[in-house]
C-alpha atoms as a PDB file:
ATOM      1  CA  MET A   1      11.627   4.409 -64.662  1.00  0.00           C
ATOM      2  CA  ALA A   2       9.646   2.432 -62.101  1.00  0.00           C
ATOM      3  CA  ALA A   3      11.458  -0.410 -60.386  1.00  0.00           C
ATOM      4  CA  LYS A   4      10.512  -3.909 -61.398  1.00  0.00           C
ATOM      5  CA  PRO A   5       8.320  -5.714 -58.846  1.00  0.00           C
ATOM      6  CA  VAL A   6      10.211  -8.132 -56.623  1.00  0.00           C
ATOM      7  CA  ASP A   7       7.252 -10.320 -55.652  1.00  0.00           C
ATOM      8  CA  ARG A   8       7.288 -12.600 -58.700  1.00  0.00           C
ATOM      9  CA  VAL A   9       7.702 -16.204 -57.625  1.00  0.00           C
ATOM     10  CA  PRO A  10       8.670 -19.057 -59.959  1.00  0.00           C
ATOM     11  CA  ARG A  11       6.144 -21.826 -60.303  1.00  0.00           C
ATOM     12  CA  HIS A  12       8.848 -24.434 -60.845  1.00  0.00           C
ATOM     13  CA  LEU A  13      12.315 -24.321 -59.320  1.00  0.00           C
ATOM     14  CA  ALA A  14      15.125 -26.783 -60.106  1.00  0.00           C
ATOM     15  CA  ILE A  15      18.395 -27.095 -58.207  1.00  0.00           C
ATOM     16  CA  VAL A  16      21.681 -28.829 -58.971  1.00  0.00           C
ATOM     17  CA  MET A  17      22.868 -29.520 -55.430  1.00  0.00           C
ATOM     18  CA  ASP A  18      26.609 -29.199 -55.996  1.00  0.00           C
ATOM     19  CA  GLY A  19      29.432 -28.878 -53.491  1.00  0.00           C
ATOM     20  CA  ASN A  20      28.876 -31.608 -50.904  1.00  0.00           C
ATOM     21  CA  GLY A  21      32.275 -33.207 -51.509  1.00  0.00           C
ATOM     22  CA  ARG A  22      34.201 -29.933 -51.425  1.00  0.00           C
ATOM     23  CA  TRP A  23      32.333 -28.872 -48.279  1.00  0.00           C
ATOM     24  CA  ALA A  24      33.499 -32.067 -46.578  1.00  0.00           C
ATOM     25  CA  LYS A  25      37.053 -31.714 -47.903  1.00  0.00           C
ATOM     26  CA  GLN A  26      37.313 -28.227 -46.387  1.00  0.00           C
ATOM     27  CA  ARG A  27      36.581 -29.866 -43.031  1.00  0.00           C
ATOM     28  CA  LEU A  28      39.003 -32.755 -43.621  1.00  0.00           C
ATOM     29  CA  ARG A  29      36.126 -35.215 -43.672  1.00  0.00           C
ATOM     30  CA  PRO A  30      35.133 -37.888 -46.246  1.00  0.00           C
ATOM     31  CA  ARG A  31      32.817 -36.948 -49.095  1.00  0.00           C
ATOM     32  CA  THR A  32      29.979 -38.921 -47.539  1.00  0.00           C
ATOM     33  CA  PHE A  33      30.032 -36.480 -44.606  1.00  0.00           C
ATOM     34  CA  GLY A  34      29.135 -33.730 -47.064  1.00  0.00           C
ATOM     35  CA  HIS A  35      26.257 -35.725 -48.514  1.00  0.00           C
ATOM     36  CA  HIS A  36      24.791 -36.165 -45.043  1.00  0.00           C
ATOM     37  CA  ALA A  37      25.208 -32.440 -44.363  1.00  0.00           C
ATOM     38  CA  GLY A  38      23.399 -31.662 -47.608  1.00  0.00           C
ATOM     39  CA  GLN A  39      20.197 -33.193 -46.248  1.00  0.00           C
ATOM     40  CA  LYS A  40      19.664 -30.100 -44.086  1.00  0.00           C
ATOM     41  CA  ALA A  41      19.769 -27.908 -47.176  1.00  0.00           C
ATOM     42  CA  VAL A  42      17.169 -30.141 -48.838  1.00  0.00           C
ATOM     43  CA  LYS A  43      14.825 -29.538 -45.903  1.00  0.00           C
ATOM     44  CA  GLU A  44      15.516 -25.804 -46.127  1.00  0.00           C
ATOM     45  CA  ALA A  45      14.613 -25.826 -49.819  1.00  0.00           C
ATOM     46  CA  VAL A  46      11.383 -27.771 -49.264  1.00  0.00           C
ATOM     47  CA  GLU A  47      10.315 -25.479 -46.422  1.00  0.00           C
ATOM     48  CA  PHE A  48      11.189 -22.430 -48.503  1.00  0.00           C
ATOM     49  CA  CYS A  49       9.052 -23.596 -51.425  1.00  0.00           C
ATOM     50  CA  LEU A  50       6.113 -24.394 -49.154  1.00  0.00           C
ATOM     51  CA  ARG A  51       6.251 -20.924 -47.609  1.00  0.00           C
ATOM     52  CA  ARG A  52       6.626 -19.114 -50.921  1.00  0.00           C
ATOM     53  CA  GLY A  53       3.882 -21.032 -52.709  1.00  0.00           C
ATOM     54  CA  ILE A  54       6.178 -22.600 -55.318  1.00  0.00           C
ATOM     55  CA  ALA A  55       4.331 -25.433 -57.050  1.00  0.00           C
ATOM     56  CA  SER A  56       7.234 -27.701 -58.028  1.00  0.00           C
ATOM     57  CA  LEU A  57      10.770 -28.265 -56.769  1.00  0.00           C
ATOM     58  CA  THR A  58      13.071 -30.561 -58.752  1.00  0.00           C
ATOM     59  CA  LEU A  59      16.341 -31.645 -57.138  1.00  0.00           C
ATOM     60  CA  PHE A  60      19.234 -33.302 -58.993  1.00  0.00           C
ATOM     61  CA  ALA A  61      20.165 -35.987 -56.466  1.00  0.00           C
ATOM     62  CA  PHE A  62      21.966 -38.600 -58.558  1.00  0.00           C
ATOM     63  CA  SER A  63      22.778 -38.332 -62.242  1.00  0.00           C
ATOM     64  CA  SER A  64      23.213 -41.196 -64.670  1.00  0.00           C
ATOM     65  CA  GLU A  65      26.909 -40.222 -64.753  1.00  0.00           C
ATOM     66  CA  ASN A  66      27.300 -40.506 -60.958  1.00  0.00           C
ATOM     67  CA  TRP A  67      27.599 -44.295 -61.221  1.00  0.00           C
ATOM     68  CA  ARG A  68      31.192 -43.610 -62.310  1.00  0.00           C
ATOM     69  CA  ARG A  69      32.111 -42.318 -58.853  1.00  0.00           C
ATOM     70  CA  PRO A  70      34.034 -44.526 -56.402  1.00  0.00           C
ATOM     71  CA  ALA A  71      32.026 -47.588 -55.377  1.00  0.00           C
ATOM     72  CA  THR A  72      32.227 -46.639 -51.692  1.00  0.00           C
ATOM     73  CA  GLU A  73      30.649 -43.250 -52.381  1.00  0.00           C
ATOM     74  CA  VAL A  74      27.894 -44.720 -54.565  1.00  0.00           C
ATOM     75  CA  SER A  75      27.122 -47.324 -51.897  1.00  0.00           C
ATOM     76  CA  ALA A  76      26.969 -44.619 -49.226  1.00  0.00           C
ATOM     77  CA  LEU A  77      24.633 -42.544 -51.375  1.00  0.00           C
ATOM     78  CA  MET A  78      22.291 -45.500 -51.839  1.00  0.00           C
ATOM     79  CA  GLU A  79      22.233 -46.058 -48.083  1.00  0.00           C
ATOM     80  CA  LEU A  80      21.567 -42.357 -47.575  1.00  0.00           C
ATOM     81  CA  PHE A  81      18.624 -42.513 -49.971  1.00  0.00           C
ATOM     82  CA  LEU A  82      17.125 -45.410 -48.040  1.00  0.00           C
ATOM     83  CA  LYS A  83      17.465 -43.659 -44.698  1.00  0.00           C
ATOM     84  CA  ALA A  84      16.188 -40.359 -46.066  1.00  0.00           C
ATOM     85  CA  ILE A  85      13.064 -41.973 -47.500  1.00  0.00           C
ATOM     86  CA  ASP A  86      12.303 -43.747 -44.231  1.00  0.00           C
ATOM     87  CA  LYS A  87      13.018 -40.667 -42.121  1.00  0.00           C
ATOM     88  CA  GLU A  88      11.511 -37.871 -44.184  1.00  0.00           C
ATOM     89  CA  VAL A  89       8.480 -39.282 -45.970  1.00  0.00           C
ATOM     90  CA  ASP A  90       6.211 -38.989 -42.904  1.00  0.00           C
ATOM     91  CA  GLU A  91       6.992 -35.296 -42.482  1.00  0.00           C
ATOM     92  CA  LEU A  92       6.721 -34.603 -46.197  1.00  0.00           C
ATOM     93  CA  HIS A  93       3.373 -36.371 -46.342  1.00  0.00           C
ATOM     94  CA  GLY A  94       2.167 -34.429 -43.311  1.00  0.00           C
ATOM     95  CA  ASN A  95       3.060 -31.169 -45.061  1.00  0.00           C
ATOM     96  CA  GLY A  96       1.149 -32.104 -48.193  1.00  0.00           C
ATOM     97  CA  VAL A  97       4.230 -32.743 -50.339  1.00  0.00           C
ATOM     98  CA  ARG A  98       3.918 -35.078 -53.309  1.00  0.00           C
ATOM     99  CA  VAL A  99       7.176 -37.000 -53.744  1.00  0.00           C
ATOM    100  CA  ARG A 100       8.238 -38.267 -57.155  1.00  0.00           C
ATOM    101  CA  PHE A 101      11.463 -39.969 -58.198  1.00  0.00           C
ATOM    102  CA  VAL A 102      12.222 -39.253 -61.844  1.00  0.00           C
ATOM    103  CA  GLY A 103      14.803 -41.070 -63.915  1.00  0.00           C
ATOM    104  CA  ASP A 104      15.587 -44.654 -64.880  1.00  0.00           C
ATOM    105  CA  LEU A 105      14.646 -46.385 -61.636  1.00  0.00           C
ATOM    106  CA  ALA A 106      15.284 -49.854 -63.061  1.00  0.00           C
ATOM    107  CA  ALA A 107      19.004 -49.515 -62.295  1.00  0.00           C
ATOM    108  CA  PHE A 108      18.466 -49.434 -58.523  1.00  0.00           C
ATOM    109  CA  ALA A 109      18.409 -52.379 -56.163  1.00  0.00           C
ATOM    110  CA  PRO A 110      14.907 -53.855 -55.651  1.00  0.00           C
ATOM    111  CA  GLU A 111      14.750 -52.755 -51.993  1.00  0.00           C
ATOM    112  CA  LEU A 112      15.537 -49.134 -52.793  1.00  0.00           C
ATOM    113  CA  ARG A 113      13.216 -49.095 -55.787  1.00  0.00           C
ATOM    114  CA  ALA A 114      10.405 -50.488 -53.626  1.00  0.00           C
ATOM    115  CA  ARG A 115      10.948 -47.728 -51.061  1.00  0.00           C
ATOM    116  CA  MET A 116      10.839 -45.098 -53.806  1.00  0.00           C
ATOM    117  CA  LEU A 117       7.633 -46.480 -55.265  1.00  0.00           C
ATOM    118  CA  GLY A 118       6.108 -46.718 -51.792  1.00  0.00           C
ATOM    119  CA  ALA A 119       6.877 -43.075 -51.042  1.00  0.00           C
ATOM    120  CA  MET A 120       5.398 -42.001 -54.383  1.00  0.00           C
ATOM    121  CA  GLU A 121       2.238 -44.037 -53.848  1.00  0.00           C
ATOM    122  CA  ARG A 122       1.751 -42.752 -50.311  1.00  0.00           C
ATOM    123  CA  THR A 123       2.075 -39.082 -51.237  1.00  0.00           C
ATOM    124  CA  ALA A 124       0.390 -39.230 -54.661  1.00  0.00           C
ATOM    125  CA  GLY A 125      -2.684 -37.275 -53.548  1.00  0.00           C
ATOM    126  CA  ASN A 126      -0.810 -34.348 -51.998  1.00  0.00           C
ATOM    127  CA  THR A 127      -0.993 -30.915 -53.623  1.00  0.00           C
ATOM    128  CA  ALA A 128       1.007 -28.423 -51.515  1.00  0.00           C
ATOM    129  CA  LEU A 129       4.265 -29.031 -53.411  1.00  0.00           C
ATOM    130  CA  ASN A 130       5.553 -31.385 -56.094  1.00  0.00           C
ATOM    131  CA  LEU A 131       8.968 -32.579 -54.913  1.00  0.00           C
ATOM    132  CA  ASN A 132      10.719 -34.255 -57.843  1.00  0.00           C
ATOM    133  CA  VAL A 133      13.914 -36.078 -56.936  1.00  0.00           C
ATOM    134  CA  ALA A 134      15.973 -36.827 -60.047  1.00  0.00           C
ATOM    135  CA  VAL A 135      17.870 -40.105 -59.576  1.00  0.00           C
ATOM    136  CA  ASN A 136      19.775 -41.963 -62.274  1.00  0.00           C
ATOM    137  CA  TYR A 137      18.531 -39.114 -64.435  1.00  0.00           C
ATOM    138  CA  GLY A 138      20.044 -37.381 -67.438  1.00  0.00           C
ATOM    139  CA  GLY A 139      18.519 -34.775 -69.712  1.00  0.00           C
ATOM    140  CA  ARG A 140      19.558 -36.664 -72.837  1.00  0.00           C
ATOM    141  CA  TRP A 141      18.049 -39.863 -71.405  1.00  0.00           C
ATOM    142  CA  ASP A 142      14.783 -37.984 -70.772  1.00  0.00           C
ATOM    143  CA  ILE A 143      14.571 -36.784 -74.380  1.00  0.00           C
ATOM    144  CA  ALA A 144      15.598 -40.165 -75.831  1.00  0.00           C
ATOM    145  CA  ASN A 145      13.072 -41.943 -73.605  1.00  0.00           C
ATOM    146  CA  ALA A 146      10.328 -39.547 -74.715  1.00  0.00           C
ATOM    147  CA  ALA A 147      11.234 -40.205 -78.353  1.00  0.00           C
ATOM    148  CA  ARG A 148      11.106 -43.969 -77.763  1.00  0.00           C
ATOM    149  CA  LEU A 149       7.675 -43.726 -76.117  1.00  0.00           C
ATOM    150  CA  ALA A 150       6.395 -41.571 -78.967  1.00  0.00           C
ATOM    151  CA  ALA A 151       7.742 -44.081 -81.498  1.00  0.00           C
ATOM    152  CA  GLU A 152       5.972 -46.897 -79.663  1.00  0.00           C
ATOM    153  CA  ALA A 153       2.723 -44.917 -79.817  1.00  0.00           C
ATOM    154  CA  VAL A 154       3.187 -44.498 -83.571  1.00  0.00           C
ATOM    155  CA  GLY A 155       3.781 -48.244 -83.838  1.00  0.00           C
ATOM    156  CA  ARG A 156       0.468 -48.855 -82.068  1.00  0.00           C
ATOM    157  CA  GLY A 157      -1.254 -46.637 -84.612  1.00  0.00           C
ATOM    158  CA  GLU A 158      -2.208 -43.883 -82.138  1.00  0.00           C
ATOM    159  CA  TYR A 159      -0.983 -41.212 -84.559  1.00  0.00           C
ATOM    160  CA  ARG A 160       1.334 -40.750 -87.524  1.00  0.00           C
ATOM    161  CA  ALA A 161       5.054 -39.958 -87.233  1.00  0.00           C
ATOM    162  CA  ASP A 162       4.531 -36.588 -88.954  1.00  0.00           C
ATOM    163  CA  GLU A 163       2.106 -35.640 -86.174  1.00  0.00           C
ATOM    164  CA  ILE A 164       4.857 -35.662 -83.546  1.00  0.00           C
ATOM    165  CA  ASP A 165       5.551 -32.036 -82.646  1.00  0.00           C
ATOM    166  CA  GLU A 166       7.118 -30.326 -79.617  1.00  0.00           C
ATOM    167  CA  GLU A 167       3.912 -30.419 -77.607  1.00  0.00           C
ATOM    168  CA  ARG A 168       3.318 -34.103 -78.242  1.00  0.00           C
ATOM    169  CA  LEU A 169       6.933 -35.068 -77.472  1.00  0.00           C
ATOM    170  CA  HIS A 170       6.847 -32.935 -74.321  1.00  0.00           C
ATOM    171  CA  GLY A 171       3.976 -35.072 -73.098  1.00  0.00           C
ATOM    172  CA  TYR A 172       6.344 -38.039 -72.804  1.00  0.00           C
ATOM    173  CA  THR A 173       9.048 -36.254 -70.785  1.00  0.00           C
ATOM    174  CA  CYS A 174       9.407 -36.855 -67.050  1.00  0.00           C
ATOM    175  CA  LEU A 175       7.835 -33.629 -65.797  1.00  0.00           C
ATOM    176  CA  ALA A 176       5.209 -33.127 -68.487  1.00  0.00           C
ATOM    177  CA  ASP A 177       2.357 -32.794 -65.986  1.00  0.00           C
ATOM    178  CA  GLN A 178       4.002 -29.966 -64.026  1.00  0.00           C
ATOM    179  CA  PRO A 179       4.506 -26.233 -64.596  1.00  0.00           C
ATOM    180  CA  PRO A 180       7.238 -25.205 -67.041  1.00  0.00           C
ATOM    181  CA  LEU A 181      10.638 -24.769 -65.434  1.00  0.00           C
ATOM    182  CA  ASP A 182      11.075 -21.101 -64.460  1.00  0.00           C
ATOM    183  CA  LEU A 183      14.299 -20.963 -62.440  1.00  0.00           C
ATOM    184  CA  PHE A 184      17.357 -23.223 -62.532  1.00  0.00           C
ATOM    185  CA  ILE A 185      19.822 -22.849 -59.639  1.00  0.00           C
ATOM    186  CA  ARG A 186      23.245 -24.440 -59.409  1.00  0.00           C
ATOM    187  CA  THR A 187      25.209 -24.198 -56.185  1.00  0.00           C
ATOM    188  CA  GLY A 188      28.920 -24.785 -55.663  1.00  0.00           C
ATOM    189  CA  GLY A 189      30.380 -22.307 -58.155  1.00  0.00           C
ATOM    190  CA  GLU A 190      30.228 -24.318 -61.378  1.00  0.00           C
ATOM    191  CA  ARG A 191      28.627 -22.630 -64.414  1.00  0.00           C
ATOM    192  CA  ARG A 192      27.139 -25.508 -66.394  1.00  0.00           C
ATOM    193  CA  VAL A 193      23.897 -27.477 -66.509  1.00  0.00           C
ATOM    194  CA  SER A 194      25.499 -30.956 -66.466  1.00  0.00           C
ATOM    195  CA  ASN A 195      22.874 -32.783 -68.532  1.00  0.00           C
ATOM    196  CA  PHE A 196      20.018 -31.765 -66.219  1.00  0.00           C
ATOM    197  CA  LEU A 197      16.525 -31.023 -67.572  1.00  0.00           C
ATOM    198  CA  LEU A 198      17.809 -30.226 -71.061  1.00  0.00           C
ATOM    199  CA  TRP A 199      14.315 -30.192 -72.563  1.00  0.00           C
ATOM    200  CA  GLN A 200      12.731 -28.242 -69.722  1.00  0.00           C
ATOM    201  CA  ILE A 201      15.486 -25.616 -69.429  1.00  0.00           C
ATOM    202  CA  ALA A 202      14.811 -24.026 -72.839  1.00  0.00           C
ATOM    203  CA  TYR A 203      13.324 -20.785 -71.444  1.00  0.00           C
ATOM    204  CA  ALA A 204      14.295 -21.074 -67.784  1.00  0.00           C
ATOM    205  CA  GLU A 205      16.275 -18.388 -66.014  1.00  0.00           C
ATOM    206  CA  LEU A 206      19.696 -19.579 -64.818  1.00  0.00           C
ATOM    207  CA  TYR A 207      21.195 -18.632 -61.459  1.00  0.00           C
ATOM    208  CA  PHE A 208      24.631 -19.705 -60.237  1.00  0.00           C
ATOM    209  CA  THR A 209      25.983 -19.253 -56.729  1.00  0.00           C
ATOM    210  CA  ASP A 210      29.385 -20.063 -55.208  1.00  0.00           C
ATOM    211  CA  THR A 211      27.683 -21.261 -52.016  1.00  0.00           C
ATOM    212  CA  LEU A 212      28.297 -24.974 -51.440  1.00  0.00           C
ATOM    213  CA  TRP A 213      25.086 -26.967 -51.129  1.00  0.00           C
ATOM    214  CA  PRO A 214      25.306 -27.808 -47.386  1.00  0.00           C
ATOM    215  CA  ASP A 215      25.553 -24.064 -46.665  1.00  0.00           C
ATOM    216  CA  VAL A 216      22.457 -23.123 -48.666  1.00  0.00           C
ATOM    217  CA  ASP A 217      19.814 -21.587 -46.414  1.00  0.00           C
ATOM    218  CA  GLN A 218      16.694 -19.444 -46.625  1.00  0.00           C
ATOM    219  CA  ALA A 219      18.729 -16.283 -47.236  1.00  0.00           C
ATOM    220  CA  CYS A 220      20.557 -17.848 -50.178  1.00  0.00           C
ATOM    221  CA  LEU A 221      17.322 -19.053 -51.758  1.00  0.00           C
ATOM    222  CA  THR A 222      15.664 -15.681 -51.174  1.00  0.00           C
ATOM    223  CA  GLU A 223      18.530 -13.974 -52.989  1.00  0.00           C
ATOM    224  CA  ALA A 224      18.012 -16.276 -55.976  1.00  0.00           C
ATOM    225  CA  ILE A 225      14.258 -15.649 -56.040  1.00  0.00           C
ATOM    226  CA  ASP A 226      14.723 -11.891 -55.770  1.00  0.00           C
ATOM    227  CA  ASP A 227      17.199 -11.985 -58.652  1.00  0.00           C
ATOM    228  CA  TYR A 228      14.664 -13.953 -60.697  1.00  0.00           C
ATOM    229  CA  ALA A 229      11.915 -11.448 -59.891  1.00  0.00           C
ATOM    230  CA  ARG A 230      13.960  -8.575 -61.310  1.00  0.00           C
ATOM    231  CA  ARG A 231      14.535 -10.251 -64.665  1.00  0.00           C
ATOM    232  CA  GLU A 232      12.515  -9.541 -67.796  1.00  0.00           C
ATOM    233  CA  ARG A 233      11.355 -12.776 -69.397  1.00  0.00           C
ATOM    234  CA  ARG A 234      10.738 -12.076 -73.088  1.00  0.00           C
ATOM    235  CA  TYR A 235      10.303 -15.554 -74.671  1.00  0.00           C
ATOM    236  CA  GLY A 236      11.625 -14.251 -77.994  1.00  0.00           C
ATOM    237  CA  ARG A 237       9.723 -10.968 -77.887  1.00  0.00           C
ATOM    238  CA  THR A 238      11.219  -7.504 -77.546  1.00  0.00           C
ATOM    239  CA  GLY A 239      11.342  -5.631 -74.267  1.00  0.00           C
ATOM    240  CA  GLU A 240       8.801  -3.149 -75.622  1.00  0.00           C
ATOM    241  CA  GLN A 241       6.362  -5.966 -76.380  1.00  0.00           C
ATOM    242  CA  VAL A 242       6.670  -7.319 -72.848  1.00  0.00           C
ATOM    243  CA  THR A 243       6.234  -3.981 -71.075  1.00  0.00           C
ATOM    244  CA  GLY A 244       3.928  -2.311 -73.580  1.00  0.00           C
END
């Protein structure tokens, strides 16, 4: 039997960037030290996607559940977001990266929200890579928000309630204008999706690695992509239908 080709590249890659706190704890440093270290891995992931021609990269930066963390850590994360936007947006823009923050942005302080909106507006015309940063995001929130928007459209008389199908509801989700999610990666050793992209993950391939996020590099990402390339994606069909 011929070997499966290993040059298949996902169009849309999503990553749960887990392990920053444990990485810091191993070094007897505060959790915030790990979050700062994780910024290098973000740059590695962006550069990797640009080189491999991946259209969209979605990163889980701050979930709707993360507000429950200690106030000092949440405050440090907000400060890190501000600094990262100011520091990285020029380089991202120069590399043709379109930056989008997805999630319920209304919960953030006005200054941070303004920086997010400014970064999105500045990079809106770029086409080399869609970089989606999920902040105050939850998969259930995404689906509920899409349902609310669809209901509002029905209320305006745009269509009837019985005309809402999967395709129409999908159009109201956060990443509706981007390629379907192909590969979902979670670092840090946990084997769960943690309320991330629940709608989009339906037919995605899942890949879990024990590597903590600050240690993720090009080799780690290449291993994930190669594993993805060897898989047979059937979408409900039989293997014979796919290869026949």
